[in-house]
Amino acid sequence: MKQQFTVVENAGYIGEADIRSFPTSGKAIAWRNRHYEPDELESLHVQIACDLPDGSRTYEY
């Protein structure tokens, strides 16, 4: 599994959902910025997760 960056809604909450994955953080951030308004980022708890090759996930991006 390669490292990928995933746009996640409800990050850290019940109902967390992966929306779309990208090969780079820049592409994930650009897509997020085109598809969400600033108030939606907060109300939907949108974050970018990094899925690591070992199968773990971090939200430190």
Protein backbone atom coordinates (compact mmCIF):
# COMPACT_ATOMS: atom_id res chain seq x y z
CA MET A 1 0.00 0.00 0.00
CA LYS A 2 1.38 3.40 -0.97
CA GLN A 3 1.03 6.52 1.13
CA GLN A 4 -2.12 8.42 0.18
CA PHE A 5 -4.01 11.43 1.46
CA THR A 6 -7.73 11.19 2.11
CA VAL A 7 -10.34 13.90 2.60
CA VAL A 8 -12.41 12.81 5.61
CA GLU A 9 -15.74 14.19 6.86
CA ASN A 10 -16.63 13.91 10.56
CA ALA A 11 -12.98 13.16 11.33
CA GLY A 12 -12.73 11.74 14.83
CA TYR A 13 -16.51 11.52 15.26
CA ILE A 14 -19.16 8.83 14.89
CA GLY A 15 -19.99 8.61 11.22
CA GLU A 16 -16.45 9.40 10.04
CA ALA A 17 -16.40 8.97 6.26
CA ASP A 18 -13.62 8.85 3.69
CA ILE A 19 -14.64 11.07 0.78
CA ARG A 20 -11.81 10.91 -1.74
CA SER A 21 -8.12 9.92 -1.79
CA PHE A 22 -5.15 11.47 -3.59
CA PRO A 23 -1.48 10.60 -4.11
CA THR A 24 -0.25 13.91 -2.60
CA SER A 25 -1.32 16.19 0.23
CA GLY A 26 -1.34 19.15 -2.17
CA LYS A 27 -3.91 17.50 -4.43
CA ALA A 28 -6.08 16.56 -1.43
CA ILE A 29 -5.95 20.10 -0.05
CA ALA A 30 -6.71 21.66 -3.45
CA TRP A 31 -9.73 19.35 -3.95
CA ARG A 32 -10.98 20.07 -0.40
CA ASN A 33 -10.68 23.82 -0.96
CA ARG A 34 -12.67 23.63 -4.21
CA HIS A 35 -15.46 21.47 -2.75
CA TYR A 36 -16.04 22.91 0.74
CA GLU A 37 -16.89 26.39 1.98
CA PRO A 38 -15.00 27.55 5.10
CA ASP A 39 -18.06 27.07 7.34
CA GLU A 40 -18.52 23.52 5.99
CA LEU A 41 -14.92 22.64 6.89
CA GLU A 42 -15.76 23.39 10.50
CA SER A 43 -19.33 22.05 10.71
CA LEU A 44 -18.51 18.82 8.83
CA HIS A 45 -15.16 18.37 10.65
CA VAL A 46 -13.29 17.96 7.36
CA GLN A 47 -9.64 16.94 7.69
CA ILE A 48 -6.94 15.41 5.53
CA ALA A 49 -5.74 12.02 6.71
CA CYS A 50 -2.52 10.39 5.63
CA ASP A 51 -2.82 6.65 5.10
CA LEU A 52 0.66 5.20 5.62
CA PRO A 53 2.17 2.17 3.87
CA ASP A 54 1.98 0.12 7.09
CA GLY A 55 -1.82 0.53 7.18
CA SER A 56 -1.93 3.15 9.92
CA ARG A 57 -3.53 6.57 9.56
CA THR A 58 -2.56 9.99 10.88
CA TYR A 59 -4.33 13.35 10.80
CA GLU A 60 -1.15 15.37 11.33
CA TYR A 61 -1.49 17.05 7.90
